[in-house]
Amino acid sequence: MKTKTPKDDNIGQATRPKHIPQRACIACRQSRGKRDLIRLVYSTDFVEIDLKGKKPGRGVYICSRKKCWEAALKGNRIEYGLRTKLSAENRHTLLEYGGSLPEKED
């Protein structure tokens, strides 16, 4: 006599698609997969770019398009989302990084 295993119960059933966490860009408000956006995180006294999305601290997400970075920095959306003020040096660093991004996402 064969005993049923949990693997046998799934035969013939449709598999559910893997859950992909969604986040919204603070500039264009478009929802995308968490891995498709760039995370900025406020930790201690400065804002840094968190490419892996694992650093502790308050974070916001921005599309990897130059237009979104310019809008986020111009309208102080980053400061509002992170609940802090950006220093001149920090703002300059973020502007440089945003300037190196493509105009349109591939």
Foldseek 3Di string as FASTA:
>chain_A
DDDDDPVVVCPPPDDDDDDFDWAAALQPRDIDGPLQWWKWFDDDHAIDTDNPPPDDHQIHTHGLALVSLVRCLVVVSRCVRRVHDHDPVRSVVSNVSSVVGHHDDD
